Amino acid sequence: MNYDCIVIPGGGVDDNGCPSPWVAARLDRAIEMASSTCYFLVLSRGTTHRPPVLDKHSFPIDEASASAAYLIERNIPSNKILIENWSLDTIGNAYFARQCILEPMELYRLAIITNEFHMTRTKVIFDWIFSLTNSDKDRCEKYHLNYFTVRNQDMTDEQLIARIEKESLACEDVKIKVQQMTNLSHIARFLFLEHGAYKAKHIHSRRSQLDSLTASTY
């Protein structure tokens, strides 16, 4: 099958500013599928769970920029790579990807690649966000989403157990939101008025409550 775009959600960078091993696994799968897509869309500015890694000039390294560099270094042309570097979580990944890039560029046939530990929540979120319209009554049917799972590359057993537990809790929370937020206006109001990653707040008013082990998987 041919796709308009392969979408790779964010998942962290290492201390050198390179994609984490589990994100590299997503990118490697995307590279394998290069002949079947027009574009690659790499997602995420970063996470609220860890401070950003800085480059040699002390500027933060966006996850999406690190993923784009990984693809370019492996001979993916830069004019086939799209960068979404606004989002800070998976809901934001889906919302900003759709509203800022995929919708205006009319890219509707999508392949979404993520790891085993992340797939259940990713599918719930992307199916939800990409099905919504501005009306409670109508569903968006122009997007066609296919999902591809890759292994949880180089995560320790301890990291994986901690992350799977976090994913399970987060997924149940998302399922509640799916029932409560039934149009795109609801999502925008939630993100920009309620969501801790995007709403207005005092600088340094909230730190991640994740333990260091779970945070290391972001």
C-alpha atoms as a PDB file:
ATOM      1  CA  MET A   1       0.000   0.000   0.000  1.00  0.00           C
ATOM      2  CA  ASN A   2       1.181   3.536  -0.725  1.00  0.00           C
ATOM      3  CA  TYR A   3       0.917   6.283   1.892  1.00  0.00           C
ATOM      4  CA  ASP A   4       0.824  10.043   1.770  1.00  0.00           C
ATOM      5  CA  CYS A   5       2.871  10.153   4.956  1.00  0.00           C
ATOM      6  CA  ILE A   6       4.580   7.936   7.510  1.00  0.00           C
ATOM      7  CA  VAL A   7       4.104   9.380  10.992  1.00  0.00           C
ATOM      8  CA  ILE A   8       6.632   8.724  13.766  1.00  0.00           C
ATOM      9  CA  PRO A   9       5.569   9.880  17.260  1.00  0.00           C
ATOM     10  CA  GLY A  10       8.122  11.371  19.626  1.00  0.00           C
ATOM     11  CA  GLY A  11       9.747   9.230  22.281  1.00  0.00           C
ATOM     12  CA  GLY A  12      12.826  10.933  23.661  1.00  0.00           C
ATOM     13  CA  VAL A  13      16.468  11.619  22.894  1.00  0.00           C
ATOM     14  CA  ASP A  14      19.587  10.306  24.616  1.00  0.00           C
ATOM     15  CA  ASP A  15      22.199  12.386  26.413  1.00  0.00           C
ATOM     16  CA  ASN A  16      23.896  13.128  23.088  1.00  0.00           C
ATOM     17  CA  GLY A  17      20.733  14.489  21.536  1.00  0.00           C
ATOM     18  CA  CYS A  18      20.185  11.461  19.296  1.00  0.00           C
ATOM     19  CA  PRO A  19      16.888   9.567  19.126  1.00  0.00           C
ATOM     20  CA  SER A  20      16.539   7.054  21.947  1.00  0.00           C
ATOM     21  CA  PRO A  21      17.041   3.431  20.850  1.00  0.00           C
ATOM     22  CA  TRP A  22      13.314   2.728  20.877  1.00  0.00           C
ATOM     23  CA  VAL A  23      12.650   5.789  18.699  1.00  0.00           C
ATOM     24  CA  ALA A  24      15.488   4.697  16.394  1.00  0.00           C
ATOM     25  CA  ALA A  25      13.596   1.416  15.947  1.00  0.00           C
ATOM     26  CA  ARG A  26      10.559   3.406  14.749  1.00  0.00           C
ATOM     27  CA  LEU A  27      12.701   5.426  12.366  1.00  0.00           C
ATOM     28  CA  ASP A  28      14.435   2.327  11.004  1.00  0.00           C
ATOM     29  CA  ARG A  29      11.058   0.801  10.196  1.00  0.00           C
ATOM     30  CA  ALA A  30      10.026   4.024   8.475  1.00  0.00           C
ATOM     31  CA  ILE A  31      13.197   3.906   6.367  1.00  0.00           C
ATOM     32  CA  GLU A  32      12.341   0.339   5.332  1.00  0.00           C
ATOM     33  CA  MET A  33       9.010   1.696   4.054  1.00  0.00           C
ATOM     34  CA  ALA A  34      10.538   4.660   2.210  1.00  0.00           C
ATOM     35  CA  SER A  35       9.465   3.499  -1.230  1.00  0.00           C
ATOM     36  CA  SER A  36       5.801   3.460  -0.170  1.00  0.00           C
ATOM     37  CA  THR A  37       5.407   7.038   1.079  1.00  0.00           C
ATOM     38  CA  CYS A  38       5.534  10.619  -0.153  1.00  0.00           C
ATOM     39  CA  TYR A  39       6.594  12.095   3.195  1.00  0.00           C
ATOM     40  CA  PHE A  40       7.882  11.288   6.659  1.00  0.00           C
ATOM     41  CA  LEU A  41       6.440  13.272   9.582  1.00  0.00           C
ATOM     42  CA  VAL A  42       8.508  13.244  12.779  1.00  0.00           C
ATOM     43  CA  LEU A  43       6.774  14.477  15.904  1.00  0.00           C
ATOM     44  CA  SER A  44       7.411  16.228  19.212  1.00  0.00           C
ATOM     45  CA  ARG A  45       9.312  19.100  20.715  1.00  0.00           C
ATOM     46  CA  GLY A  46      10.075  17.100  23.840  1.00  0.00           C
ATOM     47  CA  THR A  47       8.424  16.031  27.083  1.00  0.00           C
ATOM     48  CA  THR A  48       7.356  17.576  30.365  1.00  0.00           C
ATOM     49  CA  HIS A  49       8.907  14.641  32.218  1.00  0.00           C
ATOM     50  CA  ARG A  50      12.568  15.510  31.592  1.00  0.00           C
ATOM     51  CA  PRO A  51      14.527  18.711  30.915  1.00  0.00           C
ATOM     52  CA  PRO A  52      15.564  19.063  27.261  1.00  0.00           C
ATOM     53  CA  VAL A  53      19.007  17.959  26.135  1.00  0.00           C
ATOM     54  CA  LEU A  54      21.091  20.958  25.017  1.00  0.00           C
ATOM     55  CA  ASP A  55      23.400  21.205  22.026  1.00  0.00           C
ATOM     56  CA  LYS A  56      26.946  22.585  22.174  1.00  0.00           C
ATOM     57  CA  HIS A  57      25.566  26.126  21.924  1.00  0.00           C
ATOM     58  CA  SER A  58      23.150  25.502  24.841  1.00  0.00           C
ATOM     59  CA  PHE A  59      20.045  25.436  22.655  1.00  0.00           C
ATOM     60  CA  PRO A  60      17.489  22.686  23.339  1.00  0.00           C
ATOM     61  CA  ILE A  61      17.401  19.778  20.878  1.00  0.00           C
ATOM     62  CA  ASP A  62      13.863  19.074  19.682  1.00  0.00           C
ATOM     63  CA  GLU A  63      12.972  15.389  19.436  1.00  0.00           C
ATOM     64  CA  ALA A  64      11.559  15.936  15.956  1.00  0.00           C
ATOM     65  CA  SER A  65      14.745  17.652  14.783  1.00  0.00           C
ATOM     66  CA  ALA A  66      16.828  14.786  16.145  1.00  0.00           C
ATOM     67  CA  SER A  67      14.614  12.298  14.308  1.00  0.00           C
ATOM     68  CA  ALA A  68      14.840  14.310  11.099  1.00  0.00           C
ATOM     69  CA  ALA A  69      18.648  14.357  11.338  1.00  0.00           C
ATOM     70  CA  TYR A  70      18.619  10.568  11.857  1.00  0.00           C
ATOM     71  CA  LEU A  71      16.624  10.110   8.650  1.00  0.00           C
ATOM     72  CA  ILE A  72      18.802  12.497   6.643  1.00  0.00           C
ATOM     73  CA  GLU A  73      21.958  10.720   7.814  1.00  0.00           C
ATOM     74  CA  ARG A  74      20.437   7.541   6.378  1.00  0.00           C
ATOM     75  CA  ASN A  75      19.804   9.049   2.947  1.00  0.00           C
ATOM     76  CA  ILE A  76      16.199  10.162   3.286  1.00  0.00           C
ATOM     77  CA  PRO A  77      15.946  13.425   1.288  1.00  0.00           C
ATOM     78  CA  SER A  78      15.251  16.441   3.473  1.00  0.00           C
ATOM     79  CA  ASN A  79      12.429  17.545   1.161  1.00  0.00           C
ATOM     80  CA  LYS A  80      10.529  14.387   2.110  1.00  0.00           C
ATOM     81  CA  ILE A  81      10.744  15.079   5.864  1.00  0.00           C
ATOM     82  CA  LEU A  82       8.171  17.141   7.763  1.00  0.00           C
ATOM     83  CA  ILE A  83       8.840  18.318  11.319  1.00  0.00           C
ATOM     84  CA  GLU A  84       6.185  18.878  13.982  1.00  0.00           C
ATOM     85  CA  ASN A  85       8.037  20.399  16.934  1.00  0.00           C
ATOM     86  CA  TRP A  86       5.256  21.926  19.020  1.00  0.00           C
ATOM     87  CA  SER A  87       3.883  18.926  20.911  1.00  0.00           C
ATOM     88  CA  LEU A  88       4.915  17.640  24.331  1.00  0.00           C
ATOM     89  CA  ASP A  89       2.812  14.469  24.624  1.00  0.00           C
ATOM     90  CA  THR A  90       1.009  11.907  22.474  1.00  0.00           C
ATOM     91  CA  ILE A  91      -2.304  13.794  22.402  1.00  0.00           C
ATOM     92  CA  GLY A  92      -0.371  16.845  21.250  1.00  0.00           C
ATOM     93  CA  ASN A  93       1.476  14.684  18.709  1.00  0.00           C
ATOM     94  CA  ALA A  94      -1.812  13.737  17.078  1.00  0.00           C
ATOM     95  CA  TYR A  95      -3.501  17.151  17.338  1.00  0.00           C
ATOM     96  CA  PHE A  96      -0.642  19.301  16.042  1.00  0.00           C
ATOM     97  CA  ALA A  97       0.253  16.793  13.329  1.00  0.00           C
ATOM     98  CA  ARG A  98      -3.292  16.852  12.011  1.00  0.00           C
ATOM     99  CA  GLN A  99      -4.150  20.522  12.416  1.00  0.00           C
ATOM    100  CA  CYS A 100      -0.840  22.117  11.459  1.00  0.00           C
ATOM    101  CA  ILE A 101       0.570  19.793   8.802  1.00  0.00           C
ATOM    102  CA  LEU A 102      -1.526  16.887   7.559  1.00  0.00           C
ATOM    103  CA  GLU A 103      -4.812  18.756   7.101  1.00  0.00           C
ATOM    104  CA  PRO A 104      -3.440  21.792   5.238  1.00  0.00           C
ATOM    105  CA  MET A 105      -1.155  19.587   3.102  1.00  0.00           C
ATOM    106  CA  GLU A 106      -4.033  17.186   2.362  1.00  0.00           C
ATOM    107  CA  LEU A 107      -2.122  14.109   3.498  1.00  0.00           C
ATOM    108  CA  TYR A 108      -4.774  11.561   4.420  1.00  0.00           C
ATOM    109  CA  ARG A 109      -3.328   8.060   3.945  1.00  0.00           C
ATOM    110  CA  LEU A 110      -1.115   7.567   6.971  1.00  0.00           C
ATOM    111  CA  ALA A 111       1.174   4.884   8.383  1.00  0.00           C
ATOM    112  CA  ILE A 112       1.868   5.364  12.094  1.00  0.00           C
ATOM    113  CA  ILE A 113       4.858   3.611  13.639  1.00  0.00           C
ATOM    114  CA  THR A 114       5.589   3.158  17.326  1.00  0.00           C
ATOM    115  CA  ASN A 115       6.809   0.598  19.849  1.00  0.00           C
ATOM    116  CA  GLU A 116       4.896  -2.253  21.455  1.00  0.00           C
ATOM    117  CA  PHE A 117       4.745  -0.481  24.832  1.00  0.00           C
ATOM    118  CA  HIS A 118       3.302   2.677  23.242  1.00  0.00           C
ATOM    119  CA  MET A 119       0.978   1.287  20.581  1.00  0.00           C
ATOM    120  CA  THR A 120      -2.267   0.767  22.507  1.00  0.00           C
ATOM    121  CA  ARG A 121      -2.444   4.366  23.753  1.00  0.00           C
ATOM    122  CA  THR A 122      -1.178   5.757  20.445  1.00  0.00           C
ATOM    123  CA  LYS A 123      -3.917   3.993  18.496  1.00  0.00           C
ATOM    124  CA  VAL A 124      -6.646   5.150  20.871  1.00  0.00           C
ATOM    125  CA  ILE A 125      -5.418   8.746  20.646  1.00  0.00           C
ATOM    126  CA  PHE A 126      -4.842   8.917  16.889  1.00  0.00           C
ATOM    127  CA  ASP A 127      -8.105   7.141  16.044  1.00  0.00           C
ATOM    128  CA  TRP A 128      -9.885   9.643  18.308  1.00  0.00           C
ATOM    129  CA  ILE A 129      -8.225  12.860  17.137  1.00  0.00           C
ATOM    130  CA  PHE A 130      -8.407  11.956  13.445  1.00  0.00           C
ATOM    131  CA  SER A 131     -12.097  11.003  13.631  1.00  0.00           C
ATOM    132  CA  LEU A 132     -13.270  14.359  14.991  1.00  0.00           C
ATOM    133  CA  THR A 133     -14.811  17.333  13.187  1.00  0.00           C
ATOM    134  CA  ASN A 134     -16.110  20.660  14.463  1.00  0.00           C
ATOM    135  CA  SER A 135     -19.480  19.014  15.059  1.00  0.00           C
ATOM    136  CA  ASP A 136     -20.558  16.457  17.663  1.00  0.00           C
ATOM    137  CA  LYS A 137     -22.742  14.798  15.049  1.00  0.00           C
ATOM    138  CA  ASP A 138     -20.314  14.269  12.179  1.00  0.00           C
ATOM    139  CA  ARG A 139     -17.228  12.068  12.018  1.00  0.00           C
ATOM    140  CA  CYS A 140     -14.212  12.735   9.817  1.00  0.00           C
ATOM    141  CA  GLU A 141     -13.827   9.898   7.343  1.00  0.00           C
ATOM    142  CA  LYS A 142     -11.125  11.182   4.987  1.00  0.00           C
ATOM    143  CA  TYR A 143      -8.184   9.868   7.019  1.00  0.00           C
ATOM    144  CA  HIS A 144      -7.030   6.276   6.639  1.00  0.00           C
ATOM    145  CA  LEU A 145      -4.689   5.198   9.407  1.00  0.00           C
ATOM    146  CA  ASN A 146      -2.596   2.019   9.426  1.00  0.00           C
ATOM    147  CA  TYR A 147      -0.435   1.113  12.418  1.00  0.00           C
ATOM    148  CA  PHE A 148       2.936  -0.629  12.532  1.00  0.00           C
ATOM    149  CA  THR A 149       4.493  -1.916  15.740  1.00  0.00           C
ATOM    150  CA  VAL A 150       8.228  -2.229  16.368  1.00  0.00           C
ATOM    151  CA  ARG A 151      10.090  -3.782  19.267  1.00  0.00           C
ATOM    152  CA  ASN A 152      10.949  -2.005  22.509  1.00  0.00           C
ATOM    153  CA  GLN A 153      14.584  -1.684  21.503  1.00  0.00           C
ATOM    154  CA  ASP A 154      17.183  -1.543  24.304  1.00  0.00           C
ATOM    155  CA  MET A 155      14.787  -0.815  27.153  1.00  0.00           C
ATOM    156  CA  THR A 156      15.813  -2.585  30.341  1.00  0.00           C
ATOM    157  CA  ASP A 157      13.303  -4.913  31.982  1.00  0.00           C
ATOM    158  CA  GLU A 158      12.889  -2.395  34.801  1.00  0.00           C
ATOM    159  CA  GLN A 159      12.245   0.466  32.396  1.00  0.00           C
ATOM    160  CA  LEU A 160       9.761  -1.573  30.403  1.00  0.00           C
ATOM    161  CA  ILE A 161       7.773  -2.673  33.454  1.00  0.00           C
ATOM    162  CA  ALA A 162       7.584   0.913  34.729  1.00  0.00           C
ATOM    163  CA  ARG A 163       6.583   2.315  31.342  1.00  0.00           C
ATOM    164  CA  ILE A 164       3.937  -0.338  30.656  1.00  0.00           C
ATOM    165  CA  GLU A 165       2.344   0.443  34.019  1.00  0.00           C
ATOM    166  CA  LYS A 166       2.339   4.156  33.181  1.00  0.00           C
ATOM    167  CA  GLU A 167       0.917   3.479  29.709  1.00  0.00           C
ATOM    168  CA  SER A 168      -1.904   1.392  31.165  1.00  0.00           C
ATOM    169  CA  LEU A 169      -2.976   4.127  33.559  1.00  0.00           C
ATOM    170  CA  ALA A 170      -2.666   6.830  30.889  1.00  0.00           C
ATOM    171  CA  CYS A 171      -4.663   4.781  28.401  1.00  0.00           C
ATOM    172  CA  GLU A 172      -7.590   4.445  30.805  1.00  0.00           C
ATOM    173  CA  ASP A 173      -7.537   8.212  31.291  1.00  0.00           C
ATOM    174  CA  VAL A 174      -7.552   8.777  27.532  1.00  0.00           C
ATOM    175  CA  LYS A 175     -10.556   6.481  27.102  1.00  0.00           C
ATOM    176  CA  ILE A 176     -12.503   8.697  29.514  1.00  0.00           C
ATOM    177  CA  LYS A 177     -11.502  11.783  27.524  1.00  0.00           C
ATOM    178  CA  VAL A 178     -12.649  10.117  24.301  1.00  0.00           C
ATOM    179  CA  GLN A 179     -16.156   9.927  25.744  1.00  0.00           C
ATOM    180  CA  GLN A 180     -16.088  13.490  27.047  1.00  0.00           C
ATOM    181  CA  MET A 181     -14.496  15.343  24.117  1.00  0.00           C
ATOM    182  CA  THR A 182     -16.401  14.745  20.932  1.00  0.00           C
ATOM    183  CA  ASN A 183     -15.297  17.536  18.593  1.00  0.00           C
ATOM    184  CA  LEU A 184     -12.154  19.479  17.708  1.00  0.00           C
ATOM    185  CA  SER A 185     -13.241  22.514  19.709  1.00  0.00           C
ATOM    186  CA  HIS A 186     -13.325  20.351  22.835  1.00  0.00           C
ATOM    187  CA  ILE A 187      -9.768  19.170  22.142  1.00  0.00           C
ATOM    188  CA  ALA A 188      -8.463  22.703  21.599  1.00  0.00           C
ATOM    189  CA  ARG A 189     -10.075  23.952  24.801  1.00  0.00           C
ATOM    190  CA  PHE A 190      -8.689  21.004  26.742  1.00  0.00           C
ATOM    191  CA  LEU A 191      -5.164  21.429  25.420  1.00  0.00           C
ATOM    192  CA  PHE A 192      -4.851  25.183  25.751  1.00  0.00           C
ATOM    193  CA  LEU A 193      -6.940  25.791  28.882  1.00  0.00           C
ATOM    194  CA  GLU A 194      -6.486  22.617  30.961  1.00  0.00           C
ATOM    195  CA  HIS A 195      -3.524  20.512  29.832  1.00  0.00           C
ATOM    196  CA  GLY A 196      -0.456  21.145  31.981  1.00  0.00           C
ATOM    197  CA  ALA A 197       1.899  21.014  29.006  1.00  0.00           C
ATOM    198  CA  TYR A 198       0.149  23.738  27.006  1.00  0.00           C
ATOM    199  CA  LYS A 199      -1.940  26.013  29.238  1.00  0.00           C
ATOM    200  CA  ALA A 200      -0.700  29.351  30.580  1.00  0.00           C
ATOM    201  CA  LYS A 201       0.988  29.062  33.973  1.00  0.00           C
ATOM    202  CA  HIS A 202       3.764  30.440  36.111  1.00  0.00           C
ATOM    203  CA  ILE A 203       7.250  29.505  34.918  1.00  0.00           C
ATOM    204  CA  HIS A 204       8.479  26.408  36.773  1.00  0.00           C
ATOM    205  CA  SER A 205       5.078  26.121  38.447  1.00  0.00           C
ATOM    206  CA  ARG A 206       4.897  22.385  37.972  1.00  0.00           C
ATOM    207  CA  ARG A 207       7.502  19.661  37.764  1.00  0.00           C
ATOM    208  CA  SER A 208       6.969  16.147  36.505  1.00  0.00           C
ATOM    209  CA  GLN A 209       5.671  13.804  39.174  1.00  0.00           C
ATOM    210  CA  LEU A 210       7.093  10.749  37.433  1.00  0.00           C
ATOM    211  CA  ASP A 211       9.755   8.699  39.168  1.00  0.00           C
ATOM    212  CA  SER A 212      13.190   8.808  37.566  1.00  0.00           C
ATOM    213  CA  LEU A 213      12.952   5.266  36.169  1.00  0.00           C
ATOM    214  CA  THR A 214       9.728   5.925  34.253  1.00  0.00           C
ATOM    215  CA  ALA A 215      10.961   9.368  33.205  1.00  0.00           C
ATOM    216  CA  SER A 216      14.025   7.739  31.638  1.00  0.00           C
ATOM    217  CA  THR A 217      11.711   6.105  29.058  1.00  0.00           C
ATOM    218  CA  TYR A 218      10.611   9.502  27.689  1.00  0.00           C
END
